[in-house]
Amino acid sequence: LYTNISCWKDLIIFEGPAEVRVYAWGHPAVGVWPHMVVKLDVKKVGEADVTSGEAQPYSFSAEIRRGRQRLEISFTNDYFQPPENRELWVGQAEIRYSKIDWK
């Protein structure tokens, strides 16, 4: 992501406790790394400074409700003042359940 913007994917998901894992990397500017915020619909699951130039997993615990939801990853601290340019890259995301309730 090259500016303060989000990427998202609409999902149909199951209910239960889970880990939301985002594989991301970034480029710092003026000594500050990119910051990302992860949401499921309007609920913030977590946030982190992305402090690696290579893909790394960033994990967040979540209690997920059943149904259609939007997984959204936002870049919140863009900086561009040549030659400085802070950027965030998102490779993939996954939801890992610790338990699925089939009710």
PDB file of N, CA and C in Angstrom:
ATOM      1  N   LEU A   1       0.857  -1.157   0.000  1.00  0.00           N
ATOM      2  CA  LEU A   1       0.000   0.000   0.000  1.00  0.00           C
ATOM      3  C   LEU A   1       0.906   1.223   0.000  1.00  0.00           C
ATOM      4  N   TYR A   2       0.629   2.165  -0.841  1.00  0.00           N
ATOM      5  CA  TYR A   2       1.543   3.282  -1.059  1.00  0.00           C
ATOM      6  C   TYR A   2       1.048   4.594  -0.447  1.00  0.00           C
ATOM      7  N   THR A   3      -0.132   4.604   0.120  1.00  0.00           N
ATOM      8  CA  THR A   3      -0.675   5.793   0.762  1.00  0.00           C
ATOM      9  C   THR A   3      -1.610   5.336   1.879  1.00  0.00           C
ATOM     10  N   ASN A   4      -2.162   6.239   2.667  1.00  0.00           N
ATOM     11  CA  ASN A   4      -3.095   5.857   3.731  1.00  0.00           C
ATOM     12  C   ASN A   4      -4.366   5.316   3.090  1.00  0.00           C
ATOM     13  N   ILE A   5      -4.423   3.993   2.980  1.00  0.00           N
ATOM     14  CA  ILE A   5      -5.490   3.314   2.255  1.00  0.00           C
ATOM     15  C   ILE A   5      -5.665   1.926   2.848  1.00  0.00           C
ATOM     16  N   SER A   6      -6.713   1.219   2.447  1.00  0.00           N
ATOM     17  CA  SER A   6      -6.982  -0.134   2.929  1.00  0.00           C
ATOM     18  C   SER A   6      -7.090  -1.109   1.774  1.00  0.00           C
ATOM     19  N   CYS A   7      -6.840  -2.367   2.105  1.00  0.00           N
ATOM     20  CA  CYS A   7      -7.191  -3.452   1.187  1.00  0.00           C
ATOM     21  C   CYS A   7      -8.136  -4.362   1.967  1.00  0.00           C
ATOM     22  N   TRP A   8      -9.032  -5.057   1.274  1.00  0.00           N
ATOM     23  CA  TRP A   8     -10.005  -5.875   1.974  1.00  0.00           C
ATOM     24  C   TRP A   8     -10.449  -7.034   1.123  1.00  0.00           C
ATOM     25  N   LYS A   9     -11.095  -7.972   1.818  1.00  0.00           N
ATOM     26  CA  LYS A   9     -11.692  -9.140   1.173  1.00  0.00           C
ATOM     27  C   LYS A   9     -12.954  -9.475   1.945  1.00  0.00           C
ATOM     28  N   ASP A  10     -14.073  -9.627   1.249  1.00  0.00           N
ATOM     29  CA  ASP A  10     -15.320 -10.041   1.876  1.00  0.00           C
ATOM     30  C   ASP A  10     -15.316 -11.560   2.011  1.00  0.00           C
ATOM     31  N   LEU A  11     -15.644 -12.045   3.207  1.00  0.00           N
ATOM     32  CA  LEU A  11     -15.567 -13.470   3.526  1.00  0.00           C
ATOM     33  C   LEU A  11     -16.874 -13.957   4.134  1.00  0.00           C
ATOM     34  N   ILE A  12     -17.129 -15.243   3.997  1.00  0.00           N
ATOM     35  CA  ILE A  12     -18.186 -15.899   4.756  1.00  0.00           C
ATOM     36  C   ILE A  12     -17.452 -16.829   5.707  1.00  0.00           C
ATOM     37  N   ILE A  13     -17.575 -16.562   7.017  1.00  0.00           N
ATOM     38  CA  ILE A  13     -16.745 -17.263   7.987  1.00  0.00           C
ATOM     39  C   ILE A  13     -17.580 -17.871   9.106  1.00  0.00           C
ATOM     40  N   PHE A  14     -16.959 -18.809   9.841  1.00  0.00           N
ATOM     41  CA  PHE A  14     -17.598 -19.493  10.952  1.00  0.00           C
ATOM     42  C   PHE A  14     -17.365 -18.734  12.250  1.00  0.00           C
ATOM     43  N   GLU A  15     -18.152 -19.062  13.239  1.00  0.00           N
ATOM     44  CA  GLU A  15     -18.055 -18.456  14.561  1.00  0.00           C
ATOM     45  C   GLU A  15     -17.027 -19.200  15.400  1.00  0.00           C
ATOM     46  N   GLY A  16     -16.346 -18.459  16.252  1.00  0.00           N
ATOM     47  CA  GLY A  16     -15.455 -19.098  17.207  1.00  0.00           C
ATOM     48  C   GLY A  16     -14.187 -18.320  17.458  1.00  0.00           C
ATOM     49  N   PRO A  17     -13.416 -18.775  18.442  1.00  0.00           N
ATOM     50  CA  PRO A  17     -12.130 -18.137  18.730  1.00  0.00           C
ATOM     51  C   PRO A  17     -11.134 -18.458  17.622  1.00  0.00           C
ATOM     52  N   ALA A  18     -10.384 -17.455  17.203  1.00  0.00           N
ATOM     53  CA  ALA A  18      -9.478 -17.656  16.076  1.00  0.00           C
ATOM     54  C   ALA A  18      -8.280 -16.718  16.177  1.00  0.00           C
ATOM     55  N   GLU A  19      -7.328 -16.995  15.330  1.00  0.00           N
ATOM     56  CA  GLU A  19      -6.159 -16.138  15.158  1.00  0.00           C
ATOM     57  C   GLU A  19      -6.227 -15.577  13.737  1.00  0.00           C
ATOM     58  N   VAL A  20      -6.161 -14.268  13.619  1.00  0.00           N
ATOM     59  CA  VAL A  20      -6.069 -13.629  12.314  1.00  0.00           C
ATOM     60  C   VAL A  20      -4.594 -13.341  12.092  1.00  0.00           C
ATOM     61  N   ARG A  21      -4.045 -13.894  11.028  1.00  0.00           N
ATOM     62  CA  ARG A  21      -2.620 -13.745  10.742  1.00  0.00           C
ATOM     63  C   ARG A  21      -2.447 -13.019   9.410  1.00  0.00           C
ATOM     64  N   VAL A  22      -1.671 -11.943   9.430  1.00  0.00           N
ATOM     65  CA  VAL A  22      -1.401 -11.144   8.238  1.00  0.00           C
ATOM     66  C   VAL A  22       0.087 -11.216   7.948  1.00  0.00           C
ATOM     67  N   TYR A  23       0.437 -11.577   6.725  1.00  0.00           N
ATOM     68  CA  TYR A  23       1.845 -11.605   6.303  1.00  0.00           C
ATOM     69  C   TYR A  23       2.138 -10.291   5.600  1.00  0.00           C
ATOM     70  N   ALA A  24       3.007  -9.491   6.208  1.00  0.00           N
ATOM     71  CA  ALA A  24       3.265  -8.143   5.696  1.00  0.00           C
ATOM     72  C   ALA A  24       4.744  -7.799   5.829  1.00  0.00           C
ATOM     73  N   TRP A  25       5.160  -6.794   5.070  1.00  0.00           N
ATOM     74  CA  TRP A  25       6.501  -6.243   5.167  1.00  0.00           C
ATOM     75  C   TRP A  25       6.421  -4.777   4.788  1.00  0.00           C
ATOM     76  N   GLY A  26       7.488  -4.049   5.087  1.00  0.00           N
ATOM     77  CA  GLY A  26       7.406  -2.621   4.839  1.00  0.00           C
ATOM     78  C   GLY A  26       8.747  -1.969   4.606  1.00  0.00           C
ATOM     79  N   HIS A  27       8.682  -0.682   4.429  1.00  0.00           N
ATOM     80  CA  HIS A  27       9.859   0.156   4.245  1.00  0.00           C
ATOM     81  C   HIS A  27       9.689   1.394   5.126  1.00  0.00           C
ATOM     82  N   PRO A  28      10.664   1.657   6.033  1.00  0.00           N
ATOM     83  CA  PRO A  28      10.524   2.804   6.919  1.00  0.00           C
ATOM     84  C   PRO A  28      10.898   4.106   6.234  1.00  0.00           C
ATOM     85  N   ALA A  29      10.453   5.200   6.829  1.00  0.00           N
ATOM     86  CA  ALA A  29      10.862   6.546   6.407  1.00  0.00           C
ATOM     87  C   ALA A  29      11.050   7.374   7.672  1.00  0.00           C
ATOM     88  N   VAL A  30      12.037   8.216   7.658  1.00  0.00           N
ATOM     89  CA  VAL A  30      12.436   9.051   8.799  1.00  0.00           C
ATOM     90  C   VAL A  30      12.467   8.246  10.102  1.00  0.00           C
ATOM     91  N   GLY A  31      12.964   7.011   9.999  1.00  0.00           N
ATOM     92  CA  GLY A  31      13.139   6.159  11.166  1.00  0.00           C
ATOM     93  C   GLY A  31      11.876   5.526  11.717  1.00  0.00           C
ATOM     94  N   VAL A  32      10.755   5.626  11.002  1.00  0.00           N
ATOM     95  CA  VAL A  32       9.480   5.072  11.470  1.00  0.00           C
ATOM     96  C   VAL A  32       8.984   4.040  10.459  1.00  0.00           C
ATOM     97  N   TRP A  33       8.615   2.871  10.981  1.00  0.00           N
ATOM     98  CA  TRP A  33       8.092   1.791  10.137  1.00  0.00           C
ATOM     99  C   TRP A  33       6.604   1.995   9.863  1.00  0.00           C
ATOM    100  N   PRO A  34       6.065   1.336   8.834  1.00  0.00           N
ATOM    101  CA  PRO A  34       4.628   1.435   8.551  1.00  0.00           C
ATOM    102  C   PRO A  34       3.789   0.820   9.670  1.00  0.00           C
ATOM    103  N   HIS A  35       2.606   1.383   9.848  1.00  0.00           N
ATOM    104  CA  HIS A  35       1.656   0.914  10.863  1.00  0.00           C
ATOM    105  C   HIS A  35       0.415   0.381  10.147  1.00  0.00           C
ATOM    106  N   MET A  36      -0.033  -0.817  10.569  1.00  0.00           N
ATOM    107  CA  MET A  36      -1.251  -1.377   9.982  1.00  0.00           C
ATOM    108  C   MET A  36      -2.283  -1.632  11.068  1.00  0.00           C
ATOM    109  N   VAL A  37      -3.551  -1.512  10.663  1.00  0.00           N
ATOM    110  CA  VAL A  37      -4.692  -1.802  11.524  1.00  0.00           C
ATOM    111  C   VAL A  37      -5.505  -2.884  10.827  1.00  0.00           C
ATOM    112  N   VAL A  38      -5.886  -3.921  11.584  1.00  0.00           N
ATOM    113  CA  VAL A  38      -6.637  -5.048  11.032  1.00  0.00           C
ATOM    114  C   VAL A  38      -8.033  -5.052  11.656  1.00  0.00           C
ATOM    115  N   LYS A  39      -9.065  -5.125  10.788  1.00  0.00           N
ATOM    116  CA  LYS A  39     -10.459  -5.131  11.245  1.00  0.00           C
ATOM    117  C   LYS A  39     -11.221  -6.272  10.599  1.00  0.00           C
ATOM    118  N   LEU A  40     -12.208  -6.771  11.330  1.00  0.00           N
ATOM    119  CA  LEU A  40     -13.251  -7.633  10.780  1.00  0.00           C
ATOM    120  C   LEU A  40     -14.530  -6.823  10.879  1.00  0.00           C
ATOM    121  N   ASP A  41     -15.085  -6.446   9.749  1.00  0.00           N
ATOM    122  CA  ASP A  41     -16.178  -5.478   9.672  1.00  0.00           C
ATOM    123  C   ASP A  41     -15.716  -4.201  10.372  1.00  0.00           C
ATOM    124  N   VAL A  42     -16.441  -3.709  11.344  1.00  0.00           N
ATOM    125  CA  VAL A  42     -16.044  -2.455  11.991  1.00  0.00           C
ATOM    126  C   VAL A  42     -15.238  -2.690  13.265  1.00  0.00           C
ATOM    127  N   LYS A  43     -15.071  -3.955  13.684  1.00  0.00           N
ATOM    128  CA  LYS A  43     -14.371  -4.273  14.924  1.00  0.00           C
ATOM    129  C   LYS A  43     -12.864  -4.410  14.673  1.00  0.00           C
ATOM    130  N   LYS A  44     -12.075  -3.609  15.396  1.00  0.00           N
ATOM    131  CA  LYS A  44     -10.620  -3.708  15.270  1.00  0.00           C
ATOM    132  C   LYS A  44     -10.152  -4.984  15.958  1.00  0.00           C
ATOM    133  N   VAL A  45      -9.419  -5.807  15.183  1.00  0.00           N
ATOM    134  CA  VAL A  45      -8.859  -7.048  15.691  1.00  0.00           C
ATOM    135  C   VAL A  45      -7.493  -6.770  16.319  1.00  0.00           C
ATOM    136  N   GLY A  46      -6.741  -5.838  15.723  1.00  0.00           N
ATOM    137  CA  GLY A  46      -5.427  -5.504  16.244  1.00  0.00           C
ATOM    138  C   GLY A  46      -4.723  -4.507  15.353  1.00  0.00           C
ATOM    139  N   GLU A  47      -3.536  -4.108  15.806  1.00  0.00           N
ATOM    140  CA  GLU A  47      -2.709  -3.196  15.029  1.00  0.00           C
ATOM    141  C   GLU A  47      -1.253  -3.473  15.367  1.00  0.00           C
ATOM    142  N   ALA A  48      -0.357  -3.115  14.444  1.00  0.00           N
ATOM    143  CA  ALA A  48       1.063  -3.386  14.650  1.00  0.00           C
ATOM    144  C   ALA A  48       1.908  -2.494  13.755  1.00  0.00           C
ATOM    145  N   ASP A  49       3.107  -2.210  14.231  1.00  0.00           N
ATOM    146  CA  ASP A  49       4.127  -1.613  13.381  1.00  0.00           C
ATOM    147  C   ASP A  49       4.784  -2.753  12.625  1.00  0.00           C
ATOM    148  N   VAL A  50       4.900  -2.623  11.324  1.00  0.00           N
ATOM    149  CA  VAL A  50       5.497  -3.656  10.475  1.00  0.00           C
ATOM    150  C   VAL A  50       6.978  -3.325  10.360  1.00  0.00           C
ATOM    151  N   THR A  51       7.801  -4.086  11.077  1.00  0.00           N
ATOM    152  CA  THR A  51       9.208  -3.732  11.273  1.00  0.00           C
ATOM    153  C   THR A  51      10.176  -4.655  10.550  1.00  0.00           C
ATOM    154  N   SER A  52       9.800  -5.114   9.370  1.00  0.00           N
ATOM    155  CA  SER A  52      10.666  -5.986   8.589  1.00  0.00           C
ATOM    156  C   SER A  52      10.536  -5.666   7.107  1.00  0.00           C
ATOM    157  N   GLY A  53      11.640  -5.765   6.401  1.00  0.00           N
ATOM    158  CA  GLY A  53      11.635  -5.590   4.958  1.00  0.00           C
ATOM    159  C   GLY A  53      11.301  -6.865   4.215  1.00  0.00           C
ATOM    160  N   GLU A  54      11.112  -7.975   4.951  1.00  0.00           N
ATOM    161  CA  GLU A  54      10.720  -9.260   4.369  1.00  0.00           C
ATOM    162  C   GLU A  54       9.415  -9.709   5.014  1.00  0.00           C
ATOM    163  N   ALA A  55       8.636 -10.501   4.292  1.00  0.00           N
ATOM    164  CA  ALA A  55       7.334 -10.943   4.790  1.00  0.00           C
ATOM    165  C   ALA A  55       7.456 -11.629   6.146  1.00  0.00           C
ATOM    166  N   GLN A  56       6.658 -11.157   7.096  1.00  0.00           N
ATOM    167  CA  GLN A  56       6.604 -11.713   8.443  1.00  0.00           C
ATOM    168  C   GLN A  56       5.136 -11.855   8.842  1.00  0.00           C
ATOM    169  N   PRO A  57       4.813 -12.877   9.673  1.00  0.00           N
ATOM    170  CA  PRO A  57       3.431 -12.991  10.147  1.00  0.00           C
ATOM    171  C   PRO A  57       3.186 -12.069  11.345  1.00  0.00           C
ATOM    172  N   TYR A  58       2.057 -11.400  11.326  1.00  0.00           N
ATOM    173  CA  TYR A  58       1.583 -10.572  12.432  1.00  0.00           C
ATOM    174  C   TYR A  58       0.257 -11.178  12.860  1.00  0.00           C
ATOM    175  N   SER A  59       0.169 -11.639  14.115  1.00  0.00           N
ATOM    176  CA  SER A  59      -0.984 -12.409  14.577  1.00  0.00           C
ATOM    177  C   SER A  59      -1.802 -11.652  15.609  1.00  0.00           C
ATOM    178  N   PHE A  60      -3.124 -11.845  15.525  1.00  0.00           N
ATOM    179  CA  PHE A  60      -4.074 -11.186  16.415  1.00  0.00           C
ATOM    180  C   PHE A  60      -5.160 -12.179  16.808  1.00  0.00           C
ATOM    181  N   SER A  61      -5.500 -12.220  18.086  1.00  0.00           N
ATOM    182  CA  SER A  61      -6.580 -13.088  18.561  1.00  0.00           C
ATOM    183  C   SER A  61      -7.915 -12.395  18.329  1.00  0.00           C
ATOM    184  N   ALA A  62      -8.921 -13.201  17.983  1.00  0.00           N
ATOM    185  CA  ALA A  62     -10.244 -12.629  17.714  1.00  0.00           C
ATOM    186  C   ALA A  62     -11.326 -13.632  18.083  1.00  0.00           C
ATOM    187  N   GLU A  63     -12.440 -13.118  18.540  1.00  0.00           N
ATOM    188  CA  GLU A  63     -13.650 -13.911  18.729  1.00  0.00           C
ATOM    189  C   GLU A  63     -14.527 -13.571  17.536  1.00  0.00           C
ATOM    190  N   ILE A  64     -14.672 -14.507  16.633  1.00  0.00           N
ATOM    191  CA  ILE A  64     -15.310 -14.244  15.351  1.00  0.00           C
ATOM    192  C   ILE A  64     -16.776 -14.650  15.384  1.00  0.00           C
ATOM    193  N   ARG A  65     -17.612 -13.786  14.809  1.00  0.00           N
ATOM    194  CA  ARG A  65     -19.028 -14.130  14.679  1.00  0.00           C
ATOM    195  C   ARG A  65     -19.252 -14.747  13.300  1.00  0.00           C
ATOM    196  N   ARG A  66     -20.288 -15.528  13.212  1.00  0.00           N
ATOM    197  CA  ARG A  66     -20.612 -16.242  11.986  1.00  0.00           C
ATOM    198  C   ARG A  66     -21.227 -15.311  10.944  1.00  0.00           C
ATOM    199  N   GLY A  67     -20.901 -15.558   9.676  1.00  0.00           N
ATOM    200  CA  GLY A  67     -21.561 -14.839   8.599  1.00  0.00           C
ATOM    201  C   GLY A  67     -20.602 -14.109   7.683  1.00  0.00           C
ATOM    202  N   ARG A  68     -21.171 -13.237   6.877  1.00  0.00           N
ATOM    203  CA  ARG A  68     -20.402 -12.453   5.908  1.00  0.00           C
ATOM    204  C   ARG A  68     -19.739 -11.286   6.636  1.00  0.00           C
ATOM    205  N   GLN A  69     -18.421 -11.188   6.477  1.00  0.00           N
ATOM    206  CA  GLN A  69     -17.665 -10.113   7.100  1.00  0.00           C
ATOM    207  C   GLN A  69     -16.553  -9.664   6.171  1.00  0.00           C
ATOM    208  N   ARG A  70     -16.119  -8.442   6.356  1.00  0.00           N
ATOM    209  CA  ARG A  70     -15.017  -7.886   5.576  1.00  0.00           C
ATOM    210  C   ARG A  70     -13.749  -7.874   6.425  1.00  0.00           C
ATOM    211  N   LEU A  71     -12.720  -8.546   5.941  1.00  0.00           N
ATOM    212  CA  LEU A  71     -11.398  -8.466   6.548  1.00  0.00           C
ATOM    213  C   LEU A  71     -10.690  -7.295   5.885  1.00  0.00           C
ATOM    214  N   GLU A  72     -10.335  -6.291   6.682  1.00  0.00           N
ATOM    215  CA  GLU A  72      -9.745  -5.061   6.152  1.00  0.00           C
ATOM    216  C   GLU A  72      -8.404  -4.789   6.824  1.00  0.00           C
ATOM    217  N   ILE A  73      -7.406  -4.481   6.011  1.00  0.00           N
ATOM    218  CA  ILE A  73      -6.073  -4.137   6.500  1.00  0.00           C
ATOM    219  C   ILE A  73      -5.759  -2.726   6.014  1.00  0.00           C
ATOM    220  N   SER A  74      -5.481  -1.833   6.967  1.00  0.00           N
ATOM    221  CA  SER A  74      -5.262  -0.420   6.649  1.00  0.00           C
ATOM    222  C   SER A  74      -3.834   0.008   6.946  1.00  0.00           C
ATOM    223  N   PHE A  75      -3.300   0.839   6.080  1.00  0.00           N
ATOM    224  CA  PHE A  75      -1.995   1.494   6.248  1.00  0.00           C
ATOM    225  C   PHE A  75      -2.304   2.899   6.755  1.00  0.00           C
ATOM    226  N   THR A  76      -1.820   3.235   7.962  1.00  0.00           N
ATOM    227  CA  THR A  76      -2.303   4.447   8.618  1.00  0.00           C
ATOM    228  C   THR A  76      -1.274   5.562   8.784  1.00  0.00           C
ATOM    229  N   ASN A  77      -0.019   5.335   8.414  1.00  0.00           N
ATOM    230  CA  ASN A  77       0.982   6.389   8.655  1.00  0.00           C
ATOM    231  C   ASN A  77       1.904   6.615   7.448  1.00  0.00           C
ATOM    232  N   ASP A  78       1.324   6.784   6.302  1.00  0.00           N
ATOM    233  CA  ASP A  78       2.104   7.033   5.094  1.00  0.00           C
ATOM    234  C   ASP A  78       2.990   8.274   5.257  1.00  0.00           C
ATOM    235  N   TYR A  79       4.149   8.227   4.600  1.00  0.00           N
ATOM    236  CA  TYR A  79       5.042   9.387   4.576  1.00  0.00           C
ATOM    237  C   TYR A  79       5.769   9.368   3.240  1.00  0.00           C
ATOM    238  N   PHE A  80       5.725  10.484   2.534  1.00  0.00           N
ATOM    239  CA  PHE A  80       6.451  10.610   1.268  1.00  0.00           C
ATOM    240  C   PHE A  80       7.014  12.015   1.170  1.00  0.00           C
ATOM    241  N   GLN A  81       8.309  12.092   1.288  1.00  0.00           N
ATOM    242  CA  GLN A  81       9.046  13.339   1.124  1.00  0.00           C
ATOM    243  C   GLN A  81      10.379  12.922   0.503  1.00  0.00           C
ATOM    244  N   PRO A  82      10.467  12.919  -0.845  1.00  0.00           N
ATOM    245  CA  PRO A  82      11.652  12.371  -1.509  1.00  0.00           C
ATOM    246  C   PRO A  82      12.953  12.871  -0.877  1.00  0.00           C
ATOM    247  N   PRO A  83      13.886  11.966  -0.641  1.00  0.00           N
ATOM    248  CA  PRO A  83      13.906  10.561  -1.078  1.00  0.00           C
ATOM    249  C   PRO A  83      13.250   9.585  -0.102  1.00  0.00           C
ATOM    250  N   GLU A  84      12.630  10.064   0.975  1.00  0.00           N
ATOM    251  CA  GLU A  84      11.989   9.181   1.961  1.00  0.00           C
ATOM    252  C   GLU A  84      10.598   8.750   1.476  1.00  0.00           C
ATOM    253  N   ASN A  85      10.296   7.440   1.670  1.00  0.00           N
ATOM    254  CA  ASN A  85       9.002   6.920   1.257  1.00  0.00           C
ATOM    255  C   ASN A  85       8.658   5.714   2.115  1.00  0.00           C
ATOM    256  N   ARG A  86       7.700   5.864   3.025  1.00  0.00           N
ATOM    257  CA  ARG A  86       7.253   4.752   3.867  1.00  0.00           C
ATOM    258  C   ARG A  86       6.168   3.996   3.119  1.00  0.00           C
ATOM    259  N   GLU A  87       6.308   2.653   3.069  1.00  0.00           N
ATOM    260  CA  GLU A  87       5.339   1.830   2.344  1.00  0.00           C
ATOM    261  C   GLU A  87       5.049   0.558   3.124  1.00  0.00           C
ATOM    262  N   LEU A  88       3.859   0.003   2.900  1.00  0.00           N
ATOM    263  CA  LEU A  88       3.430  -1.255   3.502  1.00  0.00           C
ATOM    264  C   LEU A  88       2.995  -2.205   2.392  1.00  0.00           C
ATOM    265  N   TRP A  89       3.464  -3.442   2.473  1.00  0.00           N
ATOM    266  CA  TRP A  89       3.043  -4.483   1.532  1.00  0.00           C
ATOM    267  C   TRP A  89       2.366  -5.597   2.318  1.00  0.00           C
ATOM    268  N   VAL A  90       1.259  -6.093   1.795  1.00  0.00           N
ATOM    269  CA  VAL A  90       0.528  -7.201   2.396  1.00  0.00           C
ATOM    270  C   VAL A  90       0.527  -8.343   1.393  1.00  0.00           C
ATOM    271  N   GLY A  91       1.087  -9.484   1.807  1.00  0.00           N
ATOM    272  CA  GLY A  91       1.169 -10.634   0.914  1.00  0.00           C
ATOM    273  C   GLY A  91      -0.063 -11.515   0.983  1.00  0.00           C
ATOM    274  N   GLN A  92      -0.492 -11.835   2.201  1.00  0.00           N
ATOM    275  CA  GLN A  92      -1.665 -12.690   2.383  1.00  0.00           C
ATOM    276  C   GLN A  92      -2.154 -12.567   3.814  1.00  0.00           C
ATOM    277  N   ALA A  93      -3.351 -13.083   4.048  1.00  0.00           N
ATOM    278  CA  ALA A  93      -3.928 -13.141   5.387  1.00  0.00           C
ATOM    279  C   ALA A  93      -4.637 -14.476   5.523  1.00  0.00           C
ATOM    280  N   GLU A  94      -4.744 -14.921   6.772  1.00  0.00           N
ATOM    281  CA  GLU A  94      -5.443 -16.183   7.018  1.00  0.00           C
ATOM    282  C   GLU A  94      -6.138 -16.116   8.374  1.00  0.00           C
ATOM    283  N   ILE A  95      -7.169 -16.920   8.507  1.00  0.00           N
ATOM    284  CA  ILE A  95      -7.875 -17.055   9.768  1.00  0.00           C
ATOM    285  C   ILE A  95      -7.715 -18.500  10.204  1.00  0.00           C
ATOM    286  N   ARG A  96      -7.148 -18.680  11.396  1.00  0.00           N
ATOM    287  CA  ARG A  96      -6.923 -20.017  11.949  1.00  0.00           C
ATOM    288  C   ARG A  96      -7.804 -20.181  13.184  1.00  0.00           C
ATOM    289  N   TYR A  97      -8.705 -21.138  13.114  1.00  0.00           N
ATOM    290  CA  TYR A  97      -9.618 -21.369  14.234  1.00  0.00           C
ATOM    291  C   TYR A  97      -8.977 -22.288  15.258  1.00  0.00           C
ATOM    292  N   SER A  98      -9.234 -21.981  16.541  1.00  0.00           N
ATOM    293  CA  SER A  98      -8.812 -22.897  17.589  1.00  0.00           C
ATOM    294  C   SER A  98      -9.949 -23.865  17.902  1.00  0.00           C
ATOM    295  N   LYS A  99     -11.161 -23.488  17.474  1.00  0.00           N
ATOM    296  CA  LYS A  99     -12.341 -24.334  17.666  1.00  0.00           C
ATOM    297  C   LYS A  99     -13.422 -23.831  16.713  1.00  0.00           C
ATOM    298  N   ILE A 100     -14.123 -24.752  16.078  1.00  0.00           N
ATOM    299  CA  ILE A 100     -15.268 -24.387  15.236  1.00  0.00           C
ATOM    300  C   ILE A 100     -16.501 -25.040  15.834  1.00  0.00           C
ATOM    301  N   ASP A 101     -17.527 -24.244  16.069  1.00  0.00           N
ATOM    302  CA  ASP A 101     -18.790 -24.728  16.590  1.00  0.00           C
ATOM    303  C   ASP A 101     -19.753 -24.876  15.406  1.00  0.00           C
ATOM    304  N   TRP A 102     -20.193 -26.082  15.108  1.00  0.00           N
ATOM    305  CA  TRP A 102     -21.020 -26.360  13.933  1.00  0.00           C
ATOM    306  C   TRP A 102     -22.497 -26.083  14.151  1.00  0.00           C
ATOM    307  N   LYS A 103     -22.865 -25.463  15.267  1.00  0.00           N
ATOM    308  CA  LYS A 103     -24.294 -25.193  15.550  1.00  0.00           C
ATOM    309  C   LYS A 103     -24.888 -24.273  14.540  1.00  0.00           C
TER     310      LYS A 103
END
